[in-house]
Each structure stands twice: as structure tokens, then as C-alpha cells.
Amino acid sequence: MKKFFYPDNLTAVNLFAKYWNGKDLVILLGVFIISIISFLTLRTWFFFAILIFYAIVSAKVVDNYSITKLVKLYIRYLITDTLLLKWR
């Protein structure tokens, strides 16, 4: 039986998992590849702007919620869901 020894804190691995989930990392990697290709062929920075915007918006901010999830919850609270108040 082989024994494998790992370092106690794997901060490089946990850095991305702390802020983004796997689906977001795949999307960010895809947009990064597209932005590199578009920059090399067309000399445009548009996809880099999309990459930075999506990275900021999809990052987990508070209690494992992303900014997009928080905006959805605020819209549901303010507009779509009714507020029920129960009196004793």
C-alpha cells in the first residue's frame, strides 16, 4: 500500500474554489480562450471585458452567495414575492 503525503494547507487549490464553483470556472476558462483568440486575430478587448465582468458578478461574496444570486433575491423580495405579515 502506498502512502501519499499532502501539505496541510493547499491555498492555491482552495483559492478558486473559495470564490467560484466548477461551472463558473469552466465558463471563465472558455471565455478566456475565446478572448485570447479574438485578441490575436481581431485585436479587440471586448471579450476581456466580458471575462472581467462575469468574474466579478459570479464571485461568491457573502455567505456563499454570488452577486447575481443576491440581485435575484432582492428582486424577488422587492417586486415579485408578497410580504405576509402575521399578527398575534
PDB file of N, CA and C in Angstrom:
ATOM      1  N   MET A   1       0.842  -1.174   0.000  1.00  0.00           N
ATOM      2  CA  MET A   1       0.000   0.000   0.000  1.00  0.00           C
ATOM      3  C   MET A   1       0.893   1.245   0.000  1.00  0.00           C
ATOM      4  N   LYS A   2       0.604   2.160  -0.906  1.00  0.00           N
ATOM      5  CA  LYS A   2       1.372   3.391  -0.991  1.00  0.00           C
ATOM      6  C   LYS A   2       0.751   4.456  -0.117  1.00  0.00           C
ATOM      7  N   LYS A   3       1.594   5.263   0.495  1.00  0.00           N
ATOM      8  CA  LYS A   3       1.121   6.395   1.275  1.00  0.00           C
ATOM      9  C   LYS A   3       1.468   7.672   0.523  1.00  0.00           C
ATOM     10  N   PHE A   4       0.480   8.562   0.480  1.00  0.00           N
ATOM     11  CA  PHE A   4       0.689   9.855  -0.151  1.00  0.00           C
ATOM     12  C   PHE A   4       0.589  10.932   0.910  1.00  0.00           C
ATOM     13  N   PHE A   5       1.533  11.821   0.904  1.00  0.00           N
ATOM     14  CA  PHE A   5       1.549  12.901   1.873  1.00  0.00           C
ATOM     15  C   PHE A   5       1.238  14.216   1.157  1.00  0.00           C
ATOM     16  N   TYR A   6       0.266  14.935   1.684  1.00  0.00           N
ATOM     17  CA  TYR A   6      -0.146  16.207   1.112  1.00  0.00           C
ATOM     18  C   TYR A   6       0.183  17.323   2.094  1.00  0.00           C
ATOM     19  N   PRO A   7       0.444  18.524   1.586  1.00  0.00           N
ATOM     20  CA  PRO A   7       0.667  19.646   2.509  1.00  0.00           C
ATOM     21  C   PRO A   7      -0.599  19.962   3.297  1.00  0.00           C
ATOM     22  N   ASP A   8      -0.413  20.583   4.450  1.00  0.00           N
ATOM     23  CA  ASP A   8      -1.552  20.863   5.320  1.00  0.00           C
ATOM     24  C   ASP A   8      -2.522  21.869   4.724  1.00  0.00           C
ATOM     25  N   ASN A   9      -2.037  22.923   4.115  1.00  0.00           N
ATOM     26  CA  ASN A   9      -2.958  23.867   3.500  1.00  0.00           C
ATOM     27  C   ASN A   9      -2.639  23.987   2.016  1.00  0.00           C
ATOM     28  N   LEU A  10      -3.618  23.724   1.225  1.00  0.00           N
ATOM     29  CA  LEU A  10      -3.475  23.831  -0.226  1.00  0.00           C
ATOM     30  C   LEU A  10      -4.150  25.131  -0.664  1.00  0.00           C
ATOM     31  N   THR A  11      -3.496  26.243  -0.407  1.00  0.00           N
ATOM     32  CA  THR A  11      -4.135  27.526  -0.677  1.00  0.00           C
ATOM     33  C   THR A  11      -4.307  27.787  -2.158  1.00  0.00           C
ATOM     34  N   ALA A  12      -3.416  27.304  -2.995  1.00  0.00           N
ATOM     35  CA  ALA A  12      -3.553  27.542  -4.430  1.00  0.00           C
ATOM     36  C   ALA A  12      -4.781  26.822  -4.983  1.00  0.00           C
ATOM     37  N   VAL A  13      -5.074  25.646  -4.486  1.00  0.00           N
ATOM     38  CA  VAL A  13      -6.248  24.899  -4.940  1.00  0.00           C
ATOM     39  C   VAL A  13      -7.518  25.507  -4.374  1.00  0.00           C
ATOM     40  N   ASN A  14      -7.490  25.899  -3.124  1.00  0.00           N
ATOM     41  CA  ASN A  14      -8.689  26.426  -2.478  1.00  0.00           C
ATOM     42  C   ASN A  14      -8.994  27.871  -2.853  1.00  0.00           C
ATOM     43  N   LEU A  15      -8.058  28.567  -3.496  1.00  0.00           N
ATOM     44  CA  LEU A  15      -8.281  29.960  -3.845  1.00  0.00           C
ATOM     45  C   LEU A  15      -9.449  30.108  -4.816  1.00  0.00           C
ATOM     46  N   PHE A  16      -9.467  29.302  -5.865  1.00  0.00           N
ATOM     47  CA  PHE A  16     -10.547  29.411  -6.839  1.00  0.00           C
ATOM     48  C   PHE A  16     -11.843  28.809  -6.306  1.00  0.00           C
ATOM     49  N   ALA A  17     -11.753  27.742  -5.550  1.00  0.00           N
ATOM     50  CA  ALA A  17     -12.956  27.112  -5.007  1.00  0.00           C
ATOM     51  C   ALA A  17     -13.628  27.997  -3.972  1.00  0.00           C
ATOM     52  N   LYS A  18     -12.876  28.888  -3.376  1.00  0.00           N
ATOM     53  CA  LYS A  18     -13.447  29.791  -2.386  1.00  0.00           C
ATOM     54  C   LYS A  18     -14.353  30.829  -3.037  1.00  0.00           C
ATOM     55  N   TYR A  19     -14.016  31.256  -4.254  1.00  0.00           N
ATOM     56  CA  TYR A  19     -14.759  32.333  -4.887  1.00  0.00           C
ATOM     57  C   TYR A  19     -15.668  31.887  -6.032  1.00  0.00           C
ATOM     58  N   TRP A  20     -15.333  30.793  -6.723  1.00  0.00           N
ATOM     59  CA  TRP A  20     -16.144  30.330  -7.848  1.00  0.00           C
ATOM     60  C   TRP A  20     -16.368  28.835  -7.745  1.00  0.00           C
ATOM     61  N   ASN A  21     -17.510  28.366  -8.281  1.00  0.00           N
ATOM     62  CA  ASN A  21     -17.735  26.930  -8.340  1.00  0.00           C
ATOM     63  C   ASN A  21     -17.219  26.397  -9.669  1.00  0.00           C
ATOM     64  N   GLY A  22     -17.335  25.097  -9.884  1.00  0.00           N
ATOM     65  CA  GLY A  22     -16.770  24.467 -11.066  1.00  0.00           C
ATOM     66  C   GLY A  22     -17.362  24.963 -12.368  1.00  0.00           C
ATOM     67  N   LYS A  23     -18.679  25.169 -12.387  1.00  0.00           N
ATOM     68  CA  LYS A  23     -19.344  25.649 -13.601  1.00  0.00           C
ATOM     69  C   LYS A  23     -18.825  27.028 -13.988  1.00  0.00           C
ATOM     70  N   ASP A  24     -18.659  27.899 -13.005  1.00  0.00           N
ATOM     71  CA  ASP A  24     -18.155  29.240 -13.287  1.00  0.00           C
ATOM     72  C   ASP A  24     -16.708  29.206 -13.777  1.00  0.00           C
ATOM     73  N   LEU A  25     -15.898  28.310 -13.214  1.00  0.00           N
ATOM     74  CA  LEU A  25     -14.515  28.205 -13.670  1.00  0.00           C
ATOM     75  C   LEU A  25     -14.434  27.735 -15.113  1.00  0.00           C
ATOM     76  N   VAL A  26     -15.309  26.794 -15.497  1.00  0.00           N
ATOM     77  CA  VAL A  26     -15.324  26.320 -16.884  1.00  0.00           C
ATOM     78  C   VAL A  26     -15.744  27.448 -17.823  1.00  0.00           C
ATOM     79  N   ILE A  27     -16.757  28.217 -17.436  1.00  0.00           N
ATOM     80  CA  ILE A  27     -17.205  29.356 -18.255  1.00  0.00           C
ATOM     81  C   ILE A  27     -16.101  30.401 -18.355  1.00  0.00           C
ATOM     82  N   LEU A  28     -15.436  30.699 -17.246  1.00  0.00           N
ATOM     83  CA  LEU A  28     -14.349  31.678 -17.265  1.00  0.00           C
ATOM     84  C   LEU A  28     -13.194  31.208 -18.145  1.00  0.00           C
ATOM     85  N   LEU A  29     -12.875  29.921 -18.088  1.00  0.00           N
ATOM     86  CA  LEU A  29     -11.804  29.390 -18.924  1.00  0.00           C
ATOM     87  C   LEU A  29     -12.183  29.468 -20.400  1.00  0.00           C
ATOM     88  N   GLY A  30     -13.432  29.137 -20.725  1.00  0.00           N
ATOM     89  CA  GLY A  30     -13.880  29.223 -22.118  1.00  0.00           C
ATOM     90  C   GLY A  30     -13.858  30.643 -22.646  1.00  0.00           C
ATOM     91  N   VAL A  31     -14.343  31.585 -21.861  1.00  0.00           N
ATOM     92  CA  VAL A  31     -14.327  32.985 -22.289  1.00  0.00           C
ATOM     93  C   VAL A  31     -12.897  33.503 -22.380  1.00  0.00           C
ATOM     94  N   PHE A  32     -12.015  33.024 -21.516  1.00  0.00           N
ATOM     95  CA  PHE A  32     -10.612  33.421 -21.588  1.00  0.00           C
ATOM     96  C   PHE A  32      -9.971  32.941 -22.884  1.00  0.00           C
ATOM     97  N   ILE A  33     -10.248  31.708 -23.269  1.00  0.00           N
ATOM     98  CA  ILE A  33      -9.707  31.179 -24.527  1.00  0.00           C
ATOM     99  C   ILE A  33     -10.265  31.949 -25.716  1.00  0.00           C
ATOM    100  N   ILE A  34     -11.565  32.222 -25.701  1.00  0.00           N
ATOM    101  CA  ILE A  34     -12.172  32.999 -26.783  1.00  0.00           C
ATOM    102  C   ILE A  34     -11.590  34.408 -26.836  1.00  0.00           C
ATOM    103  N   SER A  35     -11.358  35.005 -25.668  1.00  0.00           N
ATOM    104  CA  SER A  35     -10.807  36.363 -25.650  1.00  0.00           C
ATOM    105  C   SER A  35      -9.372  36.394 -26.164  1.00  0.00           C
ATOM    106  N   ILE A  36      -8.582  35.387 -25.865  1.00  0.00           N
ATOM    107  CA  ILE A  36      -7.219  35.320 -26.394  1.00  0.00           C
ATOM    108  C   ILE A  36      -7.246  35.184 -27.908  1.00  0.00           C
ATOM    109  N   ILE A  37      -8.103  34.288 -28.413  1.00  0.00           N
ATOM    110  CA  ILE A  37      -8.199  34.091 -29.864  1.00  0.00           C
ATOM    111  C   ILE A  37      -8.694  35.355 -30.548  1.00  0.00           C
ATOM    112  N   SER A  38      -9.707  36.005 -29.983  1.00  0.00           N
ATOM    113  CA  SER A  38     -10.228  37.227 -30.607  1.00  0.00           C
ATOM    114  C   SER A  38      -9.220  38.366 -30.533  1.00  0.00           C
ATOM    115  N   PHE A  39      -8.430  38.415 -29.486  1.00  0.00           N
ATOM    116  CA  PHE A  39      -7.421  39.464 -29.411  1.00  0.00           C
ATOM    117  C   PHE A  39      -6.311  39.235 -30.430  1.00  0.00           C
ATOM    118  N   LEU A  40      -5.901  37.984 -30.599  1.00  0.00           N
ATOM    119  CA  LEU A  40      -4.831  37.708 -31.548  1.00  0.00           C
ATOM    120  C   LEU A  40      -5.267  37.895 -32.996  1.00  0.00           C
ATOM    121  N   THR A  41      -6.543  37.633 -33.286  1.00  0.00           N
ATOM    122  CA  THR A  41      -6.998  37.761 -34.673  1.00  0.00           C
ATOM    123  C   THR A  41      -7.579  39.135 -34.980  1.00  0.00           C
ATOM    124  N   LEU A  42      -8.407  39.670 -34.083  1.00  0.00           N
ATOM    125  CA  LEU A  42      -9.123  40.909 -34.372  1.00  0.00           C
ATOM    126  C   LEU A  42      -8.605  42.131 -33.605  1.00  0.00           C
ATOM    127  N   ARG A  43      -7.731  41.907 -32.633  1.00  0.00           N
ATOM    128  CA  ARG A  43      -7.211  42.974 -31.768  1.00  0.00           C
ATOM    129  C   ARG A  43      -8.330  43.699 -31.025  1.00  0.00           C
ATOM    130  N   THR A  44      -9.296  42.953 -30.509  1.00  0.00           N
ATOM    131  CA  THR A  44     -10.383  43.549 -29.730  1.00  0.00           C
ATOM    132  C   THR A  44     -10.253  43.135 -28.269  1.00  0.00           C
ATOM    133  N   TRP A  45     -10.660  44.044 -27.391  1.00  0.00           N
ATOM    134  CA  TRP A  45     -10.619  43.805 -25.949  1.00  0.00           C
ATOM    135  C   TRP A  45     -12.000  43.501 -25.391  1.00  0.00           C
ATOM    136  N   PHE A  46     -12.982  43.347 -26.259  1.00  0.00           N
ATOM    137  CA  PHE A  46     -14.371  43.183 -25.838  1.00  0.00           C
ATOM    138  C   PHE A  46     -14.559  41.938 -24.971  1.00  0.00           C
ATOM    139  N   PHE A  47     -13.996  40.822 -25.372  1.00  0.00           N
ATOM    140  CA  PHE A  47     -14.192  39.585 -24.616  1.00  0.00           C
ATOM    141  C   PHE A  47     -13.430  39.601 -23.293  1.00  0.00           C
ATOM    142  N   PHE A  48     -12.342  40.360 -23.214  1.00  0.00           N
ATOM    143  CA  PHE A  48     -11.678  40.521 -21.920  1.00  0.00           C
ATOM    144  C   PHE A  48     -12.579  41.277 -20.945  1.00  0.00           C
ATOM    145  N   ALA A  49     -13.299  42.259 -21.467  1.00  0.00           N
ATOM    146  CA  ALA A  49     -14.238  42.996 -20.614  1.00  0.00           C
ATOM    147  C   ALA A  49     -15.357  42.080 -20.140  1.00  0.00           C
ATOM    148  N   ILE A  50     -15.859  41.218 -21.022  1.00  0.00           N
ATOM    149  CA  ILE A  50     -16.885  40.247 -20.629  1.00  0.00           C
ATOM    150  C   ILE A  50     -16.330  39.290 -19.579  1.00  0.00           C
ATOM    151  N   LEU A  51     -15.099  38.855 -19.752  1.00  0.00           N
ATOM    152  CA  LEU A  51     -14.463  37.946 -18.795  1.00  0.00           C
ATOM    153  C   LEU A  51     -14.356  38.586 -17.412  1.00  0.00           C
ATOM    154  N   ILE A  52     -13.899  39.808 -17.349  1.00  0.00           N
ATOM    155  CA  ILE A  52     -13.753  40.500 -16.063  1.00  0.00           C
ATOM    156  C   ILE A  52     -15.115  40.748 -15.425  1.00  0.00           C
ATOM    157  N   PHE A  53     -16.086  41.165 -16.235  1.00  0.00           N
ATOM    158  CA  PHE A  53     -17.435  41.404 -15.716  1.00  0.00           C
ATOM    159  C   PHE A  53     -18.043  40.122 -15.150  1.00  0.00           C
ATOM    160  N   TYR A  54     -17.938  39.004 -15.888  1.00  0.00           N
ATOM    161  CA  TYR A  54     -18.506  37.742 -15.400  1.00  0.00           C
ATOM    162  C   TYR A  54     -17.768  37.243 -14.160  1.00  0.00           C
ATOM    163  N   ALA A  55     -16.460  37.444 -14.110  1.00  0.00           N
ATOM    164  CA  ALA A  55     -15.696  37.016 -12.935  1.00  0.00           C
ATOM    165  C   ALA A  55     -16.124  37.776 -11.693  1.00  0.00           C
ATOM    166  N   ILE A  56     -16.388  39.064 -11.835  1.00  0.00           N
ATOM    167  CA  ILE A  56     -16.813  39.866 -10.687  1.00  0.00           C
ATOM    168  C   ILE A  56     -18.235  39.512 -10.275  1.00  0.00           C
ATOM    169  N   VAL A  57     -19.120  39.373 -11.249  1.00  0.00           N
ATOM    170  CA  VAL A  57     -20.530  39.135 -10.944  1.00  0.00           C
ATOM    171  C   VAL A  57     -20.760  37.726 -10.399  1.00  0.00           C
ATOM    172  N   SER A  58     -19.981  36.744 -10.839  1.00  0.00           N
ATOM    173  CA  SER A  58     -20.215  35.370 -10.401  1.00  0.00           C
ATOM    174  C   SER A  58     -19.423  34.993  -9.161  1.00  0.00           C
ATOM    175  N   ALA A  59     -18.582  35.869  -8.657  1.00  0.00           N
ATOM    176  CA  ALA A  59     -17.785  35.558  -7.469  1.00  0.00           C
ATOM    177  C   ALA A  59     -18.679  35.475  -6.234  1.00  0.00           C
ATOM    178  N   LYS A  60     -18.369  34.542  -5.359  1.00  0.00           N
ATOM    179  CA  LYS A  60     -19.115  34.401  -4.110  1.00  0.00           C
ATOM    180  C   LYS A  60     -18.687  35.523  -3.168  1.00  0.00           C
ATOM    181  N   VAL A  61     -19.673  36.230  -2.652  1.00  0.00           N
ATOM    182  CA  VAL A  61     -19.357  37.407  -1.854  1.00  0.00           C
ATOM    183  C   VAL A  61     -19.719  37.185  -0.391  1.00  0.00           C
ATOM    184  N   VAL A  62     -20.993  36.979  -0.106  1.00  0.00           N
ATOM    185  CA  VAL A  62     -21.489  36.907   1.260  1.00  0.00           C
ATOM    186  C   VAL A  62     -22.176  35.561   1.473  1.00  0.00           C
ATOM    187  N   ASP A  63     -21.773  34.840   2.485  1.00  0.00           N
ATOM    188  CA  ASP A  63     -22.397  33.565   2.862  1.00  0.00           C
ATOM    189  C   ASP A  63     -22.590  32.640   1.669  1.00  0.00           C
ATOM    190  N   ASN A  64     -21.565  32.530   0.831  1.00  0.00           N
ATOM    191  CA  ASN A  64     -21.580  31.635  -0.322  1.00  0.00           C
ATOM    192  C   ASN A  64     -22.610  32.040  -1.378  1.00  0.00           C
ATOM    193  N   TYR A  65     -23.010  33.299  -1.418  1.00  0.00           N
ATOM    194  CA  TYR A  65     -23.916  33.830  -2.436  1.00  0.00           C
ATOM    195  C   TYR A  65     -23.116  34.683  -3.412  1.00  0.00           C
ATOM    196  N   SER A  66     -23.410  34.534  -4.694  1.00  0.00           N
ATOM    197  CA  SER A  66     -22.789  35.397  -5.683  1.00  0.00           C
ATOM    198  C   SER A  66     -23.614  36.681  -5.820  1.00  0.00           C
ATOM    199  N   ILE A  67     -23.049  37.639  -6.536  1.00  0.00           N
ATOM    200  CA  ILE A  67     -23.748  38.912  -6.716  1.00  0.00           C
ATOM    201  C   ILE A  67     -25.032  38.698  -7.517  1.00  0.00           C
ATOM    202  N   THR A  68     -24.992  37.823  -8.514  1.00  0.00           N
ATOM    203  CA  THR A  68     -26.198  37.563  -9.302  1.00  0.00           C
ATOM    204  C   THR A  68     -27.287  36.922  -8.450  1.00  0.00           C
ATOM    205  N   LYS A  69     -26.907  36.022  -7.560  1.00  0.00           N
ATOM    206  CA  LYS A  69     -27.887  35.392  -6.680  1.00  0.00           C
ATOM    207  C   LYS A  69     -28.482  36.424  -5.712  1.00  0.00           C
ATOM    208  N   LEU A  70     -27.647  37.322  -5.198  1.00  0.00           N
ATOM    209  CA  LEU A  70     -28.150  38.364  -4.309  1.00  0.00           C
ATOM    210  C   LEU A  70     -29.109  39.305  -5.032  1.00  0.00           C
ATOM    211  N   VAL A  71     -28.804  39.658  -6.283  1.00  0.00           N
ATOM    212  CA  VAL A  71     -29.700  40.522  -7.054  1.00  0.00           C
ATOM    213  C   VAL A  71     -31.033  39.819  -7.298  1.00  0.00           C
ATOM    214  N   LYS A  72     -30.989  38.528  -7.610  1.00  0.00           N
ATOM    215  CA  LYS A  72     -32.234  37.767  -7.788  1.00  0.00           C
ATOM    216  C   LYS A  72     -33.062  37.740  -6.509  1.00  0.00           C
ATOM    217  N   LEU A  73     -32.401  37.543  -5.381  1.00  0.00           N
ATOM    218  CA  LEU A  73     -33.124  37.525  -4.111  1.00  0.00           C
ATOM    219  C   LEU A  73     -33.719  38.890  -3.781  1.00  0.00           C
ATOM    220  N   TYR A  74     -32.986  39.974  -4.045  1.00  0.00           N
ATOM    221  CA  TYR A  74     -33.513  41.318  -3.796  1.00  0.00           C
ATOM    222  C   TYR A  74     -34.706  41.628  -4.688  1.00  0.00           C
ATOM    223  N   ILE A  75     -34.637  41.227  -5.954  1.00  0.00           N
ATOM    224  CA  ILE A  75     -35.764  41.458  -6.863  1.00  0.00           C
ATOM    225  C   ILE A  75     -36.979  40.658  -6.415  1.00  0.00           C
ATOM    226  N   ARG A  76     -36.752  39.412  -6.024  1.00  0.00           N
ATOM    227  CA  ARG A  76     -37.875  38.611  -5.524  1.00  0.00           C
ATOM    228  C   ARG A  76     -38.472  39.238  -4.282  1.00  0.00           C
ATOM    229  N   TYR A  77     -37.635  39.745  -3.399  1.00  0.00           N
ATOM    230  CA  TYR A  77     -38.135  40.334  -2.161  1.00  0.00           C
ATOM    231  C   TYR A  77     -38.881  41.632  -2.427  1.00  0.00           C
ATOM    232  N   LEU A  78     -38.367  42.470  -3.294  1.00  0.00           N
ATOM    233  CA  LEU A  78     -38.961  43.782  -3.513  1.00  0.00           C
ATOM    234  C   LEU A  78     -40.139  43.777  -4.477  1.00  0.00           C
ATOM    235  N   ILE A  79     -40.125  42.929  -5.492  1.00  0.00           N
ATOM    236  CA  ILE A  79     -41.110  43.033  -6.558  1.00  0.00           C
ATOM    237  C   ILE A  79     -42.054  41.836  -6.617  1.00  0.00           C
ATOM    238  N   THR A  80     -41.531  40.648  -6.762  1.00  0.00           N
ATOM    239  CA  THR A  80     -42.395  39.519  -7.113  1.00  0.00           C
ATOM    240  C   THR A  80     -43.048  38.828  -5.924  1.00  0.00           C
ATOM    241  N   ASP A  81     -42.317  38.588  -4.867  1.00  0.00           N
ATOM    242  CA  ASP A  81     -42.895  37.864  -3.729  1.00  0.00           C
ATOM    243  C   ASP A  81     -43.687  38.814  -2.842  1.00  0.00           C
ATOM    244  N   THR A  82     -44.808  38.331  -2.386  1.00  0.00           N
ATOM    245  CA  THR A  82     -45.612  39.164  -1.483  1.00  0.00           C
ATOM    246  C   THR A  82     -45.101  38.992  -0.057  1.00  0.00           C
ATOM    247  N   LEU A  83     -45.203  40.039   0.677  1.00  0.00           N
ATOM    248  CA  LEU A  83     -44.759  40.027   2.059  1.00  0.00           C
ATOM    249  C   LEU A  83     -45.975  39.744   2.947  1.00  0.00           C
ATOM    250  N   LEU A  84     -45.915  38.649   3.655  1.00  0.00           N
ATOM    251  CA  LEU A  84     -47.017  38.265   4.538  1.00  0.00           C
ATOM    252  C   LEU A  84     -46.672  38.628   5.969  1.00  0.00           C
ATOM    253  N   LEU A  85     -47.498  39.441   6.566  1.00  0.00           N
ATOM    254  CA  LEU A  85     -47.306  39.812   7.958  1.00  0.00           C
ATOM    255  C   LEU A  85     -48.413  39.161   8.789  1.00  0.00           C
ATOM    256  N   LYS A  86     -48.004  38.460   9.820  1.00  0.00           N
ATOM    257  CA  LYS A  86     -48.991  37.788  10.668  1.00  0.00           C
ATOM    258  C   LYS A  86     -48.956  38.429  12.038  1.00  0.00           C
ATOM    259  N   TRP A  87     -50.118  38.838  12.479  1.00  0.00           N
ATOM    260  CA  TRP A  87     -50.246  39.463  13.790  1.00  0.00           C
ATOM    261  C   TRP A  87     -50.733  38.435  14.790  1.00  0.00           C
ATOM    262  N   ARG A  88     -50.330  38.594  16.011  1.00  0.00           N
ATOM    263  CA  ARG A  88     -50.775  37.676  17.054  1.00  0.00           C
ATOM    264  C   ARG A  88     -52.099  38.100  17.595  1.00  0.00           C
TER     265      ARG A  88
END
